[in-house]
Amino acid sequence: MIERREAELLAPYAAHSAASLGRAHPEPEHAMRTAFQRDRDRIIHTTAFRRLEYKTQVFVNHEGDHFRTRLTHTVEVSQIARSIARALRLNEELAEAVALGHDLGHPPFGHAGETVLDGLMEGHGGFEHNLQALRIVERLERRYPAFPGLNLTWETREGIIKYLPRYKGPMPAGLSNGTAPSLEAQVVDAADEIAYNNHDLDDGLSFRLFAPEDAAECSLWGEHHRAARRDYPGASPREIKHETIRRIINAQVTDLVLATRGRAEALGLRDLADVRGRGHGAAGFSPAMEERNQELKRFLMERMYRNERVRRLEASARKVLTDLFNAYLGDPSRMPAHVARREAEDGRPRMVCDYVSGMTDRYAYQQHKRMFGEDLALEG
């Protein structure tokens, strides 16, 4: 019944749940939920998903209650991805499942934490957050007696590792067939970009790393900020800021939908096999919007990510993770027994990396203070 409704509503090149490549461990179908709906629900109920509430997006978690975390970012990506998928008649449930799972592998302290762990794991396979997300859903989450991990569908697992062509290490078994990802996975990739850039812009303004006038050097901000002020002359600066960002997101989503629809037609995408065969990069901005988006990214890199205050926060985060990693590596008995038992299966470095990368910002600071007596959370 549900699958028949999908067939009526979805575009022919969408990913249909009835045609899923299935799960590693076969399960009976559910009478009221599609396979992708079940994937989404399983991800939401994981420990790793709940921990995203206390993991950094850019600003370290203790910096304030209103800055974005990995969880709020994930919810925002999911909302944008669903809107795009609906407009393109793609599978919203698959897009949502991928969006909700795409950041599960992020360590504490944002990209600074990922860089630290990748360096500490040099010679032991490195660390990459998409691969770690896959490791979480395939092995580390233990919720079902019948199988390890979440036993997600092939399509959801593929979407979670959407950046796979950029990896330095070996490809995951069974997911490295070299074909283009589904349009749903590509849409999540684009939604991630839209959410990340616009919401970092919002947080950077709130944190006063730059002023609205500074952001005007970006054509996207300048155009929509002027229009918002013109249309609402009596609005407060805060209201104008939110209205500007709302308009930027709307402009980017609209552009992406129209550009993707045009590429699908130009490429002659008639079904999912066509997407797999020649649909690389089919979902994305128009060239003009891509240039404006890159302009925004360059601005954020210079005025936000390289800001001295952000760098001080990252420096304390690097010390916390390095100290914890080396302490656990030298004495695994400091970790919980159920974690230490994985050494025989995974090796000590990977076992320690799994444990440290799963920490929240707050817990990492607490453990560092307990073990080393330093309260680095106060040094930002």
Protein backbone atom coordinates (compact mmCIF):
# COMPACT_ATOMS: atom_id res chain seq x y z
CA MET A 1 0.00 0.00 0.00
CA ILE A 2 2.65 2.56 1.05
CA GLU A 3 5.01 1.46 -1.72
CA ARG A 4 2.17 1.78 -4.26
CA ARG A 5 1.60 5.36 -3.13
CA GLU A 6 5.30 6.05 -3.60
CA ALA A 7 5.10 4.76 -7.16
CA GLU A 8 2.26 7.18 -7.89
CA LEU A 9 3.86 10.25 -6.32
CA LEU A 10 7.60 9.98 -6.89
CA ALA A 11 9.57 10.88 -9.99
CA PRO A 12 10.77 7.85 -12.00
CA TYR A 13 14.40 8.64 -11.12
CA ALA A 14 13.68 8.81 -7.36
CA ALA A 15 14.77 6.03 -5.00
CA HIS A 16 11.72 3.84 -4.38
CA SER A 17 11.70 1.85 -1.15
CA ALA A 18 10.24 -1.19 -2.92
CA ALA A 19 13.39 -1.30 -5.09
CA SER A 20 15.84 -0.94 -2.19
CA LEU A 21 18.95 -3.10 -2.32
CA GLY A 22 18.00 -4.20 1.16
CA ARG A 23 19.73 -4.70 4.49
CA ALA A 24 22.83 -6.68 5.44
CA HIS A 25 20.64 -8.80 7.73
CA PRO A 26 17.25 -9.59 6.14
CA GLU A 27 14.18 -8.50 8.10
CA PRO A 28 10.46 -8.83 7.43
CA GLU A 29 8.83 -5.72 5.97
CA HIS A 30 6.74 -3.48 8.20
CA ALA A 31 3.03 -3.14 7.47
CA MET A 32 2.86 0.61 8.15
CA ARG A 33 6.34 1.97 7.42
CA THR A 34 8.60 1.86 4.40
CA ALA A 35 12.18 0.68 4.71
CA PHE A 36 13.47 4.26 4.62
CA GLN A 37 11.01 5.39 7.29
CA ARG A 38 12.32 2.64 9.55
CA ASP A 39 15.89 3.80 8.89
CA ARG A 40 14.94 7.33 9.91
CA ASP A 41 13.26 6.15 13.09
CA ARG A 42 16.18 3.93 14.08
CA ILE A 43 18.63 6.81 13.70
CA ILE A 44 16.50 9.14 15.85
CA HIS A 45 16.49 6.65 18.73
CA THR A 46 20.27 6.16 18.86
CA THR A 47 22.58 7.31 21.62
CA ALA A 48 24.81 8.89 18.98
CA PHE A 49 21.93 11.06 17.75
CA ARG A 50 21.12 12.32 21.26
CA ARG A 51 24.76 13.20 21.85
CA LEU A 52 24.69 15.64 18.93
CA GLU A 53 22.90 18.09 21.24
CA TYR A 54 26.17 18.68 23.08
CA LYS A 55 28.59 18.57 20.16
CA THR A 56 29.95 21.69 18.54
CA GLN A 57 28.96 23.10 15.19
CA VAL A 58 31.58 25.91 15.24
CA PHE A 59 31.36 27.45 18.71
CA VAL A 60 32.35 25.22 21.62
CA ASN A 61 29.28 24.10 23.53
CA HIS A 62 29.82 26.13 26.71
CA GLU A 63 30.00 29.43 24.78
CA GLY A 64 26.26 30.04 24.91
CA ASP A 65 22.82 28.46 24.87
CA HIS A 66 21.70 29.91 21.53
CA PHE A 67 24.52 28.92 19.20
CA ARG A 68 24.03 25.95 16.94
CA THR A 69 25.10 22.45 17.84
CA ARG A 70 25.40 19.37 15.66
CA LEU A 71 21.83 18.43 16.62
CA THR A 72 20.25 21.74 15.63
CA HIS A 73 22.29 21.72 12.41
CA THR A 74 21.11 18.18 11.66
CA VAL A 75 17.45 19.14 12.16
CA GLU A 76 17.91 22.17 9.90
CA VAL A 77 19.56 20.06 7.18
CA SER A 78 16.69 17.58 7.41
CA GLN A 79 14.09 20.34 6.97
CA ILE A 80 15.86 21.84 3.95
CA ALA A 81 16.47 18.42 2.38
CA ARG A 82 12.82 17.44 2.75
CA SER A 83 11.67 20.67 1.11
CA ILE A 84 14.00 20.14 -1.85
CA ALA A 85 13.09 16.46 -2.17
CA ARG A 86 9.38 17.26 -2.16
CA ALA A 87 9.78 19.89 -4.87
CA LEU A 88 11.74 17.44 -7.04
CA ARG A 89 9.37 14.52 -6.29
CA LEU A 90 12.20 12.57 -4.69
CA ASN A 91 11.87 10.21 -1.73
CA GLU A 92 11.50 12.46 1.31
CA GLU A 93 11.89 9.58 3.77
CA LEU A 94 15.26 8.57 2.32
CA ALA A 95 16.44 12.18 2.24
CA GLU A 96 15.38 12.63 5.85
CA ALA A 97 17.09 9.42 7.00
CA VAL A 98 20.35 10.42 5.32
CA ALA A 99 20.12 13.96 6.72
CA LEU A 100 19.53 12.75 10.26
CA GLY A 101 22.43 10.30 10.04
CA HIS A 102 24.96 12.41 8.16
CA ASP A 103 26.64 13.95 11.23
CA LEU A 104 26.53 11.01 13.66
CA GLY A 105 30.28 10.47 13.31
CA HIS A 106 31.40 13.98 14.22
CA PRO A 107 33.70 14.09 17.26
CA PRO A 108 33.52 16.78 19.95
CA PHE A 109 34.73 20.29 19.09
CA GLY A 110 33.73 20.34 15.44
CA HIS A 111 36.22 20.17 12.60
CA ALA A 112 39.08 20.96 14.99
CA GLY A 113 38.30 17.71 16.79
CA GLU A 114 38.25 15.78 13.53
CA THR A 115 41.65 17.15 12.53
CA VAL A 116 43.15 16.21 15.90
CA LEU A 117 41.81 12.65 15.84
CA ASP A 118 42.88 12.14 12.23
CA GLY A 119 46.41 13.11 13.22
CA LEU A 120 46.40 10.90 16.32
CA MET A 121 45.18 7.97 14.21
CA GLU A 122 47.87 8.37 11.55
CA GLY A 123 49.16 4.92 10.76
CA HIS A 124 46.00 3.35 12.19
CA GLY A 125 43.50 4.18 9.45
CA GLY A 126 42.97 7.85 10.26
CA PHE A 127 39.67 9.41 11.27
CA GLU A 128 36.94 10.75 8.97
CA HIS A 129 33.54 11.69 10.32
CA ASN A 130 31.48 10.17 7.47
CA LEU A 131 33.23 6.84 7.82
CA GLN A 132 32.79 7.07 11.59
CA ALA A 133 29.06 7.64 11.08
CA LEU A 134 28.97 4.48 8.99
CA ARG A 135 30.90 2.64 11.71
CA ILE A 136 28.36 3.81 14.29
CA VAL A 137 25.30 2.63 12.36
CA GLU A 138 26.93 -0.64 11.30
CA ARG A 139 28.73 -1.68 14.50
CA LEU A 140 28.95 0.63 17.49
CA GLU A 141 25.27 1.21 18.24
CA ARG A 142 24.06 -1.91 20.07
CA ARG A 143 20.28 -1.84 20.29
CA TYR A 144 19.11 -5.03 18.60
CA PRO A 145 19.85 -8.60 19.70
CA ALA A 146 19.56 -9.96 16.15
CA PHE A 147 22.38 -7.91 14.58
CA PRO A 148 25.07 -5.31 15.32
CA GLY A 149 24.41 -1.68 14.55
CA LEU A 150 21.11 -0.49 13.09
CA ASN A 151 20.95 -2.70 9.99
CA LEU A 152 20.04 0.26 7.78
CA THR A 153 19.25 -0.09 4.10
CA TRP A 154 22.02 0.10 1.52
CA GLU A 155 20.66 3.42 0.22
CA THR A 156 20.75 5.16 3.61
CA ARG A 157 24.24 3.89 4.38
CA GLU A 158 25.42 5.04 0.95
CA GLY A 159 23.95 8.49 1.55
CA ILE A 160 25.71 8.85 4.89
CA ILE A 161 29.10 8.51 3.19
CA LYS A 162 28.26 10.97 0.42
CA TYR A 163 31.79 12.39 0.32
CA LEU A 164 33.31 8.98 -0.38
CA PRO A 165 35.20 9.94 -3.60
CA ARG A 166 37.31 12.36 -1.53
CA TYR A 167 38.51 9.78 0.98
CA LYS A 168 42.18 8.87 1.28
CA GLY A 169 41.58 5.43 2.80
CA PRO A 170 40.03 2.21 1.50
CA MET A 171 36.40 2.26 0.41
CA PRO A 172 33.85 0.53 2.66
CA ALA A 173 33.00 -2.95 1.47
CA GLY A 174 29.80 -3.17 -0.55
CA LEU A 175 29.41 0.60 -0.96
CA SER A 176 32.26 1.39 -3.34
CA ASN A 177 30.76 0.51 -6.70
CA GLY A 178 31.82 3.82 -8.26
CA THR A 179 28.34 4.86 -9.38
CA ALA A 180 26.73 8.22 -8.66
CA PRO A 181 24.79 8.46 -5.40
CA SER A 182 21.02 8.76 -5.45
CA LEU A 183 19.56 12.21 -6.04
CA GLU A 184 18.26 12.04 -2.47
CA ALA A 185 21.83 11.71 -1.15
CA GLN A 186 22.98 14.51 -3.44
CA VAL A 187 20.16 16.72 -2.18
CA VAL A 188 21.24 16.16 1.43
CA ASP A 189 24.78 17.12 0.47
CA ALA A 190 23.46 20.39 -0.99
CA ALA A 191 21.12 21.00 1.97
CA ASP A 192 24.07 20.54 4.32
CA GLU A 193 25.94 23.25 2.43
CA ILE A 194 22.98 25.64 2.51
CA ALA A 195 22.33 25.12 6.22
CA TYR A 196 25.98 25.24 7.22
CA ASN A 197 26.86 28.48 5.45
CA ASN A 198 23.72 30.42 6.32
CA HIS A 199 23.57 29.37 9.92
CA ASP A 200 27.26 30.03 10.48
CA LEU A 201 26.56 33.46 9.04
CA ASP A 202 23.77 33.85 11.61
CA ASP A 203 25.96 32.67 14.51
CA GLY A 204 28.90 34.81 13.40
CA LEU A 205 26.70 37.90 13.45
CA SER A 206 25.26 36.92 16.85
CA PHE A 207 28.77 36.34 18.22
CA ARG A 208 29.78 39.75 16.77
CA LEU A 209 32.68 38.31 14.83
CA PHE A 210 31.58 40.65 12.04
CA ALA A 211 28.85 43.22 11.43
CA PRO A 212 26.03 43.18 8.85
CA GLU A 213 27.91 45.89 6.97
CA ASP A 214 30.96 43.61 6.73
CA ALA A 215 28.87 40.77 5.32
CA ALA A 216 27.63 43.11 2.58
CA GLU A 217 30.78 42.28 0.62
CA CYS A 218 29.00 38.99 -0.13
CA SER A 219 26.51 39.61 -2.91
CA LEU A 220 23.95 37.20 -1.43
CA TRP A 221 23.90 38.98 1.91
CA GLY A 222 24.11 42.47 0.41
CA GLU A 223 21.22 41.96 -2.01
CA HIS A 224 18.83 40.37 0.46
CA HIS A 225 19.82 42.58 3.40
CA ARG A 226 19.05 45.70 1.36
CA ALA A 227 15.72 44.22 0.23
CA ALA A 228 14.74 43.28 3.80
CA ARG A 229 15.52 46.78 5.09
CA ARG A 230 13.57 48.31 2.21
CA ASP A 231 10.52 46.11 2.76
CA TYR A 232 10.52 46.43 6.58
CA PRO A 233 11.87 49.90 7.44
CA GLY A 234 10.57 49.73 11.02
CA ALA A 235 12.00 46.29 11.85
CA SER A 236 14.72 45.77 14.45
CA PRO A 237 18.27 44.78 13.38
CA ARG A 238 17.64 41.29 14.78
CA GLU A 239 14.47 40.91 12.70
CA ILE A 240 16.25 42.19 9.60
CA LYS A 241 19.06 39.69 10.15
CA HIS A 242 16.66 36.75 10.37
CA GLU A 243 14.64 37.99 7.40
CA THR A 244 17.82 38.33 5.34
CA ILE A 245 18.97 34.80 6.13
CA ARG A 246 15.47 33.45 5.45
CA ARG A 247 15.57 35.07 2.02
CA ILE A 248 19.04 33.74 1.24
CA ILE A 249 18.01 30.18 2.12
CA ASN A 250 14.84 30.50 0.04
CA ALA A 251 16.82 31.86 -2.93
CA GLN A 252 19.35 29.04 -2.72
CA VAL A 253 16.73 26.31 -2.35
CA THR A 254 14.73 27.69 -5.28
CA ASP A 255 17.84 27.93 -7.45
CA LEU A 256 18.89 24.39 -6.55
CA VAL A 257 15.48 22.92 -7.35
CA LEU A 258 15.28 24.64 -10.74
CA ALA A 259 18.89 23.86 -11.67
CA THR A 260 18.57 20.21 -10.62
CA ARG A 261 15.32 19.80 -12.52
CA GLY A 262 16.98 21.24 -15.61
CA ARG A 263 20.01 18.96 -15.32
CA ALA A 264 17.83 15.89 -14.86
CA GLU A 265 16.03 16.77 -18.08
CA ALA A 266 19.25 17.59 -19.96
CA LEU A 267 20.87 14.34 -18.83
CA GLY A 268 17.78 12.36 -19.81
CA LEU A 269 17.38 10.79 -16.36
CA ARG A 270 14.51 8.35 -16.75
CA ASP A 271 15.08 6.10 -13.75
CA LEU A 272 17.44 5.43 -10.85
CA ALA A 273 19.77 3.43 -13.10
CA ASP A 274 20.30 6.57 -15.19
CA VAL A 275 21.10 8.53 -12.04
CA ARG A 276 23.65 5.90 -11.02
CA GLY A 277 25.19 5.85 -14.46
CA ARG A 278 25.45 9.51 -15.40
CA GLY A 279 23.96 11.55 -12.59
CA HIS A 280 27.15 12.69 -10.83
CA GLY A 281 26.57 16.27 -9.67
CA ALA A 282 23.02 16.39 -11.02
CA ALA A 283 21.71 17.97 -7.82
CA GLY A 284 23.27 21.37 -7.26
CA PHE A 285 23.19 25.10 -7.80
CA SER A 286 23.25 26.92 -11.09
CA PRO A 287 26.75 28.21 -12.01
CA ALA A 288 25.77 31.75 -10.98
CA MET A 289 24.48 30.68 -7.56
CA GLU A 290 27.48 28.39 -7.05
CA GLU A 291 29.80 31.38 -7.49
CA ARG A 292 27.79 33.43 -4.99
CA ASN A 293 27.83 30.52 -2.54
CA GLN A 294 31.61 30.20 -2.89
CA GLU A 295 31.89 33.94 -2.21
CA LEU A 296 29.97 33.44 1.03
CA LYS A 297 32.20 30.52 2.01
CA ARG A 298 35.34 32.59 1.43
CA PHE A 299 33.94 35.35 3.62
CA LEU A 300 33.15 32.92 6.44
CA MET A 301 36.58 31.33 6.21
CA GLU A 302 38.32 34.68 6.58
CA ARG A 303 36.05 36.43 9.06
CA MET A 304 34.77 33.53 11.17
CA TYR A 305 36.70 30.25 10.99
CA ARG A 306 40.05 32.06 11.15
CA ASN A 307 38.90 34.48 13.83
CA GLU A 308 41.25 34.61 16.82
CA ARG A 309 38.47 33.90 19.31
CA VAL A 310 37.39 30.79 17.43
CA ARG A 311 41.02 29.68 17.17
CA ARG A 312 41.51 30.01 20.94
CA LEU A 313 38.51 27.77 21.49
CA GLU A 314 39.94 25.26 19.03
CA ALA A 315 43.35 25.30 20.74
CA SER A 316 41.86 24.26 24.09
CA ALA A 317 39.81 21.60 22.31
CA ARG A 318 42.93 20.18 20.66
CA LYS A 319 44.66 19.88 24.02
CA VAL A 320 41.67 18.15 25.61
CA LEU A 321 41.38 15.51 22.88
CA THR A 322 45.13 14.89 22.62
CA ASP A 323 45.52 14.47 26.38
CA LEU A 324 42.50 12.17 26.67
CA PHE A 325 43.48 10.04 23.68
CA ASN A 326 47.03 9.49 24.92
CA ALA A 327 45.87 8.79 28.48
CA TYR A 328 43.39 6.12 27.37
CA LEU A 329 45.89 4.67 24.92
CA GLY A 330 48.39 4.24 27.74
CA ASP A 331 45.87 2.87 30.24
CA PRO A 332 42.65 1.43 28.75
CA SER A 333 41.39 0.57 32.25
CA ARG A 334 40.41 4.24 32.53
CA MET A 335 37.64 3.58 30.02
CA PRO A 336 34.37 1.77 30.78
CA ALA A 337 34.71 -2.02 30.74
CA HIS A 338 32.31 -2.49 27.82
CA VAL A 339 34.51 -0.20 25.72
CA ALA A 340 37.80 -1.78 26.76
CA ARG A 341 36.49 -5.20 25.74
CA ARG A 342 36.55 -4.12 22.09
CA GLU A 343 40.35 -3.95 22.00
CA ALA A 344 40.72 -7.55 20.82
CA GLU A 345 38.38 -6.93 17.91
CA ASP A 346 39.35 -3.40 16.88
CA GLY A 347 42.85 -2.82 18.24
CA ARG A 348 43.64 -0.32 20.96
CA PRO A 349 44.02 2.87 18.85
CA ARG A 350 40.66 2.39 17.10
CA MET A 351 38.96 1.44 20.35
CA VAL A 352 40.25 4.63 21.99
CA CYS A 353 39.30 6.71 18.94
CA ASP A 354 35.74 5.34 18.99
CA TYR A 355 35.41 6.24 22.66
CA VAL A 356 36.87 9.74 22.45
CA SER A 357 35.05 10.64 19.23
CA GLY A 358 31.75 9.65 20.82
CA MET A 359 32.16 12.14 23.66
CA THR A 360 30.23 15.38 23.82
CA ASP A 361 32.12 18.65 24.27
CA ARG A 362 30.92 18.88 27.85
CA TYR A 363 31.86 15.32 28.78
CA ALA A 364 35.32 15.68 27.21
CA TYR A 365 35.98 18.80 29.27
CA GLN A 366 34.70 17.08 32.42
CA GLN A 367 36.88 14.01 31.88
CA HIS A 368 39.92 16.17 31.18
CA LYS A 369 39.37 18.16 34.37
CA ARG A 370 38.93 14.96 36.39
CA MET A 371 42.07 13.34 34.97
CA PHE A 372 44.39 16.35 34.65
CA GLY A 373 42.96 18.97 37.01
CA GLU A 374 42.68 21.67 34.34
CA ASP A 375 39.38 23.38 33.59
CA LEU A 376 40.06 24.22 29.94
CA ALA A 377 36.38 24.99 29.38
CA LEU A 378 37.08 28.38 30.93
CA GLU A 379 39.93 29.29 28.60
CA GLY A 380 37.91 30.30 25.54
